[in-house]
Amino acid sequence: MIEVKLKCFSQVKYALGTDEMTFELEDGITCSELETIVRQTTEGKLKDIDLRIAINQEYVKDDTELKDGDEVVLIPPVQGG
C-alpha cells in the first residue's frame, strides 16, 4: 500500500468540498487511475472538465505510477474573469 496526498484547487476543490485529501492505494496504481477514483467521488461534478495531472509539482503522463508520499494535483483549465 502507498499513501498519496491530493491537493485540490478550483473546480476540483468545489467538487470535493475540500482542498486536500489523502488516499491509501494499492502499489502500482497510476495517476490516471487515481483521477478516475476522484471523478467517481464527485458524482459527475467533474464530468466535462479536462484535468492535467502533476506529481510533486511536475506535469506527468497519465500512465505515471504513483509512489508512496507523492503529492498529486489535478489541474483544471485556467479560468479568467
PDB file of N, CA and C in Angstrom:
ATOM      1  N   MET A   1       0.842  -1.190   0.000  1.00  0.00           N
ATOM      2  CA  MET A   1       0.000   0.000   0.000  1.00  0.00           C
ATOM      3  C   MET A   1       0.882   1.247   0.000  1.00  0.00           C
ATOM      4  N   ILE A   2       0.363   2.286  -0.675  1.00  0.00           N
ATOM      5  CA  ILE A   2       1.037   3.578  -0.662  1.00  0.00           C
ATOM      6  C   ILE A   2       0.051   4.634  -0.186  1.00  0.00           C
ATOM      7  N   GLU A   3       0.585   5.744   0.278  1.00  0.00           N
ATOM      8  CA  GLU A   3      -0.241   6.867   0.683  1.00  0.00           C
ATOM      9  C   GLU A   3       0.168   8.076  -0.141  1.00  0.00           C
ATOM     10  N   VAL A   4      -0.816   8.718  -0.787  1.00  0.00           N
ATOM     11  CA  VAL A   4      -0.551   9.927  -1.561  1.00  0.00           C
ATOM     12  C   VAL A   4      -1.487  11.031  -1.094  1.00  0.00           C
ATOM     13  N   LYS A   5      -1.029  12.260  -1.265  1.00  0.00           N
ATOM     14  CA  LYS A   5      -1.824  13.422  -0.891  1.00  0.00           C
ATOM     15  C   LYS A   5      -2.324  14.083  -2.166  1.00  0.00           C
ATOM     16  N   LEU A   6      -3.621  14.381  -2.223  1.00  0.00           N
ATOM     17  CA  LEU A   6      -4.222  15.081  -3.349  1.00  0.00           C
ATOM     18  C   LEU A   6      -4.505  16.513  -2.927  1.00  0.00           C
ATOM     19  N   LYS A   7      -3.915  17.463  -3.645  1.00  0.00           N
ATOM     20  CA  LYS A   7      -4.184  18.877  -3.417  1.00  0.00           C
ATOM     21  C   LYS A   7      -5.268  19.292  -4.399  1.00  0.00           C
ATOM     22  N   CYS A   8      -6.268  20.008  -3.914  1.00  0.00           N
ATOM     23  CA  CYS A   8      -7.436  20.353  -4.732  1.00  0.00           C
ATOM     24  C   CYS A   8      -7.546  21.859  -4.911  1.00  0.00           C
ATOM     25  N   PHE A   9      -7.717  22.283  -6.163  1.00  0.00           N
ATOM     26  CA  PHE A   9      -7.871  23.692  -6.492  1.00  0.00           C
ATOM     27  C   PHE A   9      -9.087  23.877  -7.388  1.00  0.00           C
ATOM     28  N   SER A  10      -9.612  25.080  -7.412  1.00  0.00           N
ATOM     29  CA  SER A  10     -10.661  25.493  -8.336  1.00  0.00           C
ATOM     30  C   SER A  10     -11.823  24.504  -8.375  1.00  0.00           C
ATOM     31  N   GLN A  11     -12.206  24.032  -9.578  1.00  0.00           N
ATOM     32  CA  GLN A  11     -13.364  23.156  -9.712  1.00  0.00           C
ATOM     33  C   GLN A  11     -13.211  21.851  -8.949  1.00  0.00           C
ATOM     34  N   VAL A  12     -11.995  21.332  -8.840  1.00  0.00           N
ATOM     35  CA  VAL A  12     -11.772  20.089  -8.104  1.00  0.00           C
ATOM     36  C   VAL A  12     -12.070  20.318  -6.618  1.00  0.00           C
ATOM     37  N   LYS A  13     -11.616  21.436  -6.096  1.00  0.00           N
ATOM     38  CA  LYS A  13     -11.873  21.781  -4.695  1.00  0.00           C
ATOM     39  C   LYS A  13     -13.371  21.903  -4.429  1.00  0.00           C
ATOM     40  N   TYR A  14     -14.078  22.591  -5.317  1.00  0.00           N
ATOM     41  CA  TYR A  14     -15.516  22.758  -5.129  1.00  0.00           C
ATOM     42  C   TYR A  14     -16.263  21.434  -5.266  1.00  0.00           C
ATOM     43  N   ALA A  15     -15.825  20.590  -6.193  1.00  0.00           N
ATOM     44  CA  ALA A  15     -16.496  19.303  -6.414  1.00  0.00           C
ATOM     45  C   ALA A  15     -16.308  18.369  -5.218  1.00  0.00           C
ATOM     46  N   LEU A  16     -15.127  18.402  -4.598  1.00  0.00           N
ATOM     47  CA  LEU A  16     -14.838  17.515  -3.472  1.00  0.00           C
ATOM     48  C   LEU A  16     -15.173  18.143  -2.122  1.00  0.00           C
ATOM     49  N   GLY A  17     -15.288  19.463  -2.084  1.00  0.00           N
ATOM     50  CA  GLY A  17     -15.605  20.143  -0.833  1.00  0.00           C
ATOM     51  C   GLY A  17     -14.441  20.224   0.132  1.00  0.00           C
ATOM     52  N   THR A  18     -13.224  20.094  -0.391  1.00  0.00           N
ATOM     53  CA  THR A  18     -12.034  20.173   0.457  1.00  0.00           C
ATOM     54  C   THR A  18     -10.846  20.595  -0.396  1.00  0.00           C
ATOM     55  N   ASP A  19      -9.810  21.104   0.247  1.00  0.00           N
ATOM     56  CA  ASP A  19      -8.625  21.492  -0.522  1.00  0.00           C
ATOM     57  C   ASP A  19      -7.505  20.450  -0.455  1.00  0.00           C
ATOM     58  N   GLU A  20      -7.733  19.370   0.291  1.00  0.00           N
ATOM     59  CA  GLU A  20      -6.702  18.335   0.394  1.00  0.00           C
ATOM     60  C   GLU A  20      -7.326  17.019   0.855  1.00  0.00           C
ATOM     61  N   MET A  21      -6.868  15.928   0.250  1.00  0.00           N
ATOM     62  CA  MET A  21      -7.319  14.590   0.644  1.00  0.00           C
ATOM     63  C   MET A  21      -6.107  13.655   0.650  1.00  0.00           C
ATOM     64  N   THR A  22      -6.175  12.630   1.470  1.00  0.00           N
ATOM     65  CA  THR A  22      -5.147  11.603   1.497  1.00  0.00           C
ATOM     66  C   THR A  22      -5.786  10.287   1.065  1.00  0.00           C
ATOM     67  N   PHE A  23      -5.078   9.560   0.205  1.00  0.00           N
ATOM     68  CA  PHE A  23      -5.570   8.277  -0.292  1.00  0.00           C
ATOM     69  C   PHE A  23      -4.572   7.178   0.037  1.00  0.00           C
ATOM     70  N   GLU A  24      -5.066   6.045   0.505  1.00  0.00           N
ATOM     71  CA  GLU A  24      -4.259   4.837   0.629  1.00  0.00           C
ATOM     72  C   GLU A  24      -4.629   3.963  -0.548  1.00  0.00           C
ATOM     73  N   LEU A  25      -3.628   3.627  -1.366  1.00  0.00           N
ATOM     74  CA  LEU A  25      -3.858   2.949  -2.639  1.00  0.00           C
ATOM     75  C   LEU A  25      -2.965   1.728  -2.775  1.00  0.00           C
ATOM     76  N   GLU A  26      -3.353   0.858  -3.672  1.00  0.00           N
ATOM     77  CA  GLU A  26      -2.546  -0.327  -3.980  1.00  0.00           C
ATOM     78  C   GLU A  26      -1.258   0.084  -4.688  1.00  0.00           C
ATOM     79  N   ASP A  27      -0.183  -0.631  -4.454  1.00  0.00           N
ATOM     80  CA  ASP A  27       1.058  -0.410  -5.197  1.00  0.00           C
ATOM     81  C   ASP A  27       0.778  -0.567  -6.689  1.00  0.00           C
ATOM     82  N   GLY A  28       1.432   0.246  -7.509  1.00  0.00           N
ATOM     83  CA  GLY A  28       1.308   0.123  -8.953  1.00  0.00           C
ATOM     84  C   GLY A  28       0.202   0.944  -9.570  1.00  0.00           C
ATOM     85  N   ILE A  29      -0.574   1.665  -8.771  1.00  0.00           N
ATOM     86  CA  ILE A  29      -1.659   2.466  -9.321  1.00  0.00           C
ATOM     87  C   ILE A  29      -1.079   3.674 -10.068  1.00  0.00           C
ATOM     88  N   THR A  30      -1.731   4.057 -11.165  1.00  0.00           N
ATOM     89  CA  THR A  30      -1.269   5.196 -11.947  1.00  0.00           C
ATOM     90  C   THR A  30      -2.056   6.448 -11.589  1.00  0.00           C
ATOM     91  N   CYS A  31      -1.532   7.582 -12.007  1.00  0.00           N
ATOM     92  CA  CYS A  31      -2.231   8.829 -11.705  1.00  0.00           C
ATOM     93  C   CYS A  31      -3.570   8.909 -12.432  1.00  0.00           C
ATOM     94  N   SER A  32      -3.693   8.313 -13.611  1.00  0.00           N
ATOM     95  CA  SER A  32      -4.996   8.334 -14.287  1.00  0.00           C
ATOM     96  C   SER A  32      -6.016   7.463 -13.551  1.00  0.00           C
ATOM     97  N   GLU A  33      -5.562   6.396 -12.909  1.00  0.00           N
ATOM     98  CA  GLU A  33      -6.471   5.572 -12.102  1.00  0.00           C
ATOM     99  C   GLU A  33      -6.941   6.356 -10.874  1.00  0.00           C
ATOM    100  N   LEU A  34      -6.041   7.145 -10.273  1.00  0.00           N
ATOM    101  CA  LEU A  34      -6.451   7.999  -9.156  1.00  0.00           C
ATOM    102  C   LEU A  34      -7.446   9.047  -9.642  1.00  0.00           C
ATOM    103  N   GLU A  35      -7.212   9.612 -10.820  1.00  0.00           N
ATOM    104  CA  GLU A  35      -8.161  10.583 -11.372  1.00  0.00           C
ATOM    105  C   GLU A  35      -9.549   9.956 -11.513  1.00  0.00           C
ATOM    106  N   THR A  36      -9.614   8.722 -11.973  1.00  0.00           N
ATOM    107  CA  THR A  36     -10.894   8.020 -12.106  1.00  0.00           C
ATOM    108  C   THR A  36     -11.577   7.884 -10.753  1.00  0.00           C
ATOM    109  N   ILE A  37     -10.817   7.527  -9.732  1.00  0.00           N
ATOM    110  CA  ILE A  37     -11.365   7.407  -8.376  1.00  0.00           C
ATOM    111  C   ILE A  37     -11.931   8.749  -7.908  1.00  0.00           C
ATOM    112  N   VAL A  38     -11.175   9.816  -8.141  1.00  0.00           N
ATOM    113  CA  VAL A  38     -11.615  11.148  -7.726  1.00  0.00           C
ATOM    114  C   VAL A  38     -12.882  11.539  -8.475  1.00  0.00           C
ATOM    115  N   ARG A  39     -12.911  11.315  -9.773  1.00  0.00           N
ATOM    116  CA  ARG A  39     -14.102  11.660 -10.562  1.00  0.00           C
ATOM    117  C   ARG A  39     -15.337  10.895 -10.057  1.00  0.00           C
ATOM    118  N   GLN A  40     -15.175   9.624  -9.704  1.00  0.00           N
ATOM    119  CA  GLN A  40     -16.297   8.843  -9.180  1.00  0.00           C
ATOM    120  C   GLN A  40     -16.791   9.414  -7.854  1.00  0.00           C
ATOM    121  N   THR A  41     -15.879   9.947  -7.062  1.00  0.00           N
ATOM    122  CA  THR A  41     -16.213  10.529  -5.763  1.00  0.00           C
ATOM    123  C   THR A  41     -17.061  11.788  -5.904  1.00  0.00           C
ATOM    124  N   THR A  42     -16.903  12.499  -7.022  1.00  0.00           N
ATOM    125  CA  THR A  42     -17.592  13.784  -7.194  1.00  0.00           C
ATOM    126  C   THR A  42     -18.989  13.645  -7.791  1.00  0.00           C
ATOM    127  N   GLU A  43     -19.427  12.437  -8.048  1.00  0.00           N
ATOM    128  CA  GLU A  43     -20.779  12.184  -8.560  1.00  0.00           C
ATOM    129  C   GLU A  43     -21.102  13.007  -9.806  1.00  0.00           C
ATOM    130  N   GLY A  44     -20.143  13.074 -10.745  1.00  0.00           N
ATOM    131  CA  GLY A  44     -20.378  13.739 -12.020  1.00  0.00           C
ATOM    132  C   GLY A  44     -20.054  15.220 -12.066  1.00  0.00           C
ATOM    133  N   LYS A  45     -19.647  15.812 -10.969  1.00  0.00           N
ATOM    134  CA  LYS A  45     -19.378  17.254 -10.946  1.00  0.00           C
ATOM    135  C   LYS A  45     -18.170  17.636 -11.805  1.00  0.00           C
ATOM    136  N   LEU A  46     -17.291  16.691 -12.103  1.00  0.00           N
ATOM    137  CA  LEU A  46     -16.127  16.968 -12.952  1.00  0.00           C
ATOM    138  C   LEU A  46     -16.267  16.326 -14.327  1.00  0.00           C
ATOM    139  N   LYS A  47     -17.474  15.917 -14.659  1.00  0.00           N
ATOM    140  CA  LYS A  47     -17.725  15.120 -15.873  1.00  0.00           C
ATOM    141  C   LYS A  47     -17.106  15.711 -17.139  1.00  0.00           C
ATOM    142  N   ASP A  48     -17.348  16.958 -17.439  1.00  0.00           N
ATOM    143  CA  ASP A  48     -16.897  17.552 -18.694  1.00  0.00           C
ATOM    144  C   ASP A  48     -15.673  18.446 -18.529  1.00  0.00           C
ATOM    145  N   ILE A  49     -14.924  18.261 -17.477  1.00  0.00           N
ATOM    146  CA  ILE A  49     -13.756  19.098 -17.215  1.00  0.00           C
ATOM    147  C   ILE A  49     -12.486  18.306 -17.492  1.00  0.00           C
ATOM    148  N   ASP A  50     -11.669  18.813 -18.424  1.00  0.00           N
ATOM    149  CA  ASP A  50     -10.373  18.203 -18.699  1.00  0.00           C
ATOM    150  C   ASP A  50      -9.403  18.593 -17.593  1.00  0.00           C
ATOM    151  N   LEU A  51      -8.685  17.626 -17.073  1.00  0.00           N
ATOM    152  CA  LEU A  51      -7.738  17.875 -15.994  1.00  0.00           C
ATOM    153  C   LEU A  51      -6.337  17.481 -16.421  1.00  0.00           C
ATOM    154  N   ARG A  52      -5.353  18.290 -16.061  1.00  0.00           N
ATOM    155  CA  ARG A  52      -3.947  17.922 -16.202  1.00  0.00           C
ATOM    156  C   ARG A  52      -3.505  17.375 -14.854  1.00  0.00           C
ATOM    157  N   ILE A  53      -2.472  16.553 -14.872  1.00  0.00           N
ATOM    158  CA  ILE A  53      -2.010  15.921 -13.638  1.00  0.00           C
ATOM    159  C   ILE A  53      -0.560  16.308 -13.372  1.00  0.00           C
ATOM    160  N   ALA A  54      -0.300  16.698 -12.140  1.00  0.00           N
ATOM    161  CA  ALA A  54       1.064  16.979 -11.698  1.00  0.00           C
ATOM    162  C   ALA A  54       1.351  16.138 -10.465  1.00  0.00           C
ATOM    163  N   ILE A  55       2.565  15.603 -10.428  1.00  0.00           N
ATOM    164  CA  ILE A  55       3.038  14.869  -9.261  1.00  0.00           C
ATOM    165  C   ILE A  55       4.288  15.584  -8.759  1.00  0.00           C
ATOM    166  N   ASN A  56       4.261  15.930  -7.497  1.00  0.00           N
ATOM    167  CA  ASN A  56       5.397  16.626  -6.878  1.00  0.00           C
ATOM    168  C   ASN A  56       5.808  17.846  -7.697  1.00  0.00           C
ATOM    169  N   GLN A  57       4.814  18.610  -8.134  1.00  0.00           N
ATOM    170  CA  GLN A  57       4.964  19.882  -8.831  1.00  0.00           C
ATOM    171  C   GLN A  57       5.528  19.765 -10.245  1.00  0.00           C
ATOM    172  N   GLU A  58       5.367  18.598 -10.876  1.00  0.00           N
ATOM    173  CA  GLU A  58       5.778  18.415 -12.265  1.00  0.00           C
ATOM    174  C   GLU A  58       4.657  17.738 -13.037  1.00  0.00           C
ATOM    175  N   TYR A  59       4.330  18.289 -14.218  1.00  0.00           N
ATOM    176  CA  TYR A  59       3.329  17.646 -15.061  1.00  0.00           C
ATOM    177  C   TYR A  59       3.824  16.270 -15.476  1.00  0.00           C
ATOM    178  N   VAL A  60       2.901  15.291 -15.507  1.00  0.00           N
ATOM    179  CA  VAL A  60       3.267  13.916 -15.845  1.00  0.00           C
ATOM    180  C   VAL A  60       2.275  13.343 -16.851  1.00  0.00           C
ATOM    181  N   LYS A  61       2.655  12.225 -17.448  1.00  0.00           N
ATOM    182  CA  LYS A  61       1.758  11.498 -18.345  1.00  0.00           C
ATOM    183  C   LYS A  61       0.767  10.695 -17.514  1.00  0.00           C
ATOM    184  N   ASP A  62      -0.377  10.377 -18.134  1.00  0.00           N
ATOM    185  CA  ASP A  62      -1.454   9.676 -17.427  1.00  0.00           C
ATOM    186  C   ASP A  62      -1.041   8.321 -16.862  1.00  0.00           C
ATOM    187  N   ASP A  63      -0.078   7.663 -17.497  1.00  0.00           N
ATOM    188  CA  ASP A  63       0.290   6.317 -17.060  1.00  0.00           C
ATOM    189  C   ASP A  63       1.426   6.307 -16.031  1.00  0.00           C
ATOM    190  N   THR A  64       1.756   7.477 -15.481  1.00  0.00           N
ATOM    191  CA  THR A  64       2.819   7.557 -14.475  1.00  0.00           C
ATOM    192  C   THR A  64       2.363   6.868 -13.195  1.00  0.00           C
ATOM    193  N   GLU A  65       3.209   5.979 -12.695  1.00  0.00           N
ATOM    194  CA  GLU A  65       2.886   5.226 -11.484  1.00  0.00           C
ATOM    195  C   GLU A  65       3.140   6.082 -10.247  1.00  0.00           C
ATOM    196  N   LEU A  66       2.196   6.047  -9.326  1.00  0.00           N
ATOM    197  CA  LEU A  66       2.334   6.800  -8.084  1.00  0.00           C
ATOM    198  C   LEU A  66       3.227   6.050  -7.099  1.00  0.00           C
ATOM    199  N   LYS A  67       3.914   6.840  -6.279  1.00  0.00           N
ATOM    200  CA  LYS A  67       4.793   6.270  -5.258  1.00  0.00           C
ATOM    201  C   LYS A  67       4.375   6.802  -3.894  1.00  0.00           C
ATOM    202  N   ASP A  68       4.725   6.069  -2.858  1.00  0.00           N
ATOM    203  CA  ASP A  68       4.392   6.461  -1.500  1.00  0.00           C
ATOM    204  C   ASP A  68       4.913   7.871  -1.215  1.00  0.00           C
ATOM    205  N   GLY A  69       4.039   8.716  -0.679  1.00  0.00           N
ATOM    206  CA  GLY A  69       4.419  10.074  -0.305  1.00  0.00           C
ATOM    207  C   GLY A  69       4.247  11.107  -1.399  1.00  0.00           C
ATOM    208  N   ASP A  70       3.819  10.697  -2.606  1.00  0.00           N
ATOM    209  CA  ASP A  70       3.625  11.658  -3.696  1.00  0.00           C
ATOM    210  C   ASP A  70       2.546  12.675  -3.356  1.00  0.00           C
ATOM    211  N   GLU A  71       2.740  13.892  -3.887  1.00  0.00           N
ATOM    212  CA  GLU A  71       1.728  14.937  -3.818  1.00  0.00           C
ATOM    213  C   GLU A  71       1.164  15.100  -5.223  1.00  0.00           C
ATOM    214  N   VAL A  72      -0.129  14.842  -5.371  1.00  0.00           N
ATOM    215  CA  VAL A  72      -0.785  14.867  -6.675  1.00  0.00           C
ATOM    216  C   VAL A  72      -1.708  16.072  -6.745  1.00  0.00           C
ATOM    217  N   VAL A  73      -1.687  16.739  -7.909  1.00  0.00           N
ATOM    218  CA  VAL A  73      -2.607  17.848  -8.140  1.00  0.00           C
ATOM    219  C   VAL A  73      -3.328  17.588  -9.446  1.00  0.00           C
ATOM    220  N   LEU A  74      -4.652  17.660  -9.440  1.00  0.00           N
ATOM    221  CA  LEU A  74      -5.464  17.597 -10.650  1.00  0.00           C
ATOM    222  C   LEU A  74      -5.767  19.046 -11.022  1.00  0.00           C
ATOM    223  N   ILE A  75      -5.248  19.465 -12.151  1.00  0.00           N
ATOM    224  CA  ILE A  75      -5.285  20.875 -12.517  1.00  0.00           C
ATOM    225  C   ILE A  75      -6.357  21.117 -13.586  1.00  0.00           C
ATOM    226  N   PRO A  76      -7.403  21.867 -13.228  1.00  0.00           N
ATOM    227  CA  PRO A  76      -8.440  22.195 -14.197  1.00  0.00           C
ATOM    228  C   PRO A  76      -7.956  23.310 -15.114  1.00  0.00           C
ATOM    229  N   PRO A  77      -8.696  23.576 -16.198  1.00  0.00           N
ATOM    230  CA  PRO A  77      -8.324  24.676 -17.084  1.00  0.00           C
ATOM    231  C   PRO A  77      -8.295  25.996 -16.310  1.00  0.00           C
ATOM    232  N   VAL A  78      -7.415  26.898 -16.747  1.00  0.00           N
ATOM    233  CA  VAL A  78      -7.320  28.207 -16.111  1.00  0.00           C
ATOM    234  C   VAL A  78      -8.588  28.990 -16.414  1.00  0.00           C
ATOM    235  N   GLN A  79      -9.111  29.635 -15.393  1.00  0.00           N
ATOM    236  CA  GLN A  79     -10.320  30.450 -15.560  1.00  0.00           C
ATOM    237  C   GLN A  79      -9.952  31.918 -15.432  1.00  0.00           C
ATOM    238  N   GLY A  80     -10.571  32.714 -16.229  1.00  0.00           N
ATOM    239  CA  GLY A  80     -10.326  34.154 -16.174  1.00  0.00           C
ATOM    240  C   GLY A  80     -11.588  34.881 -15.756  1.00  0.00           C
ATOM    241  N   GLY A  81     -11.451  36.147 -15.628  1.00  0.00           N
ATOM    242  CA  GLY A  81     -12.656  36.889 -15.278  1.00  0.00           C
ATOM    243  C   GLY A  81     -12.385  38.323 -15.001  1.00  0.00           C
TER     244      GLY A  81
END
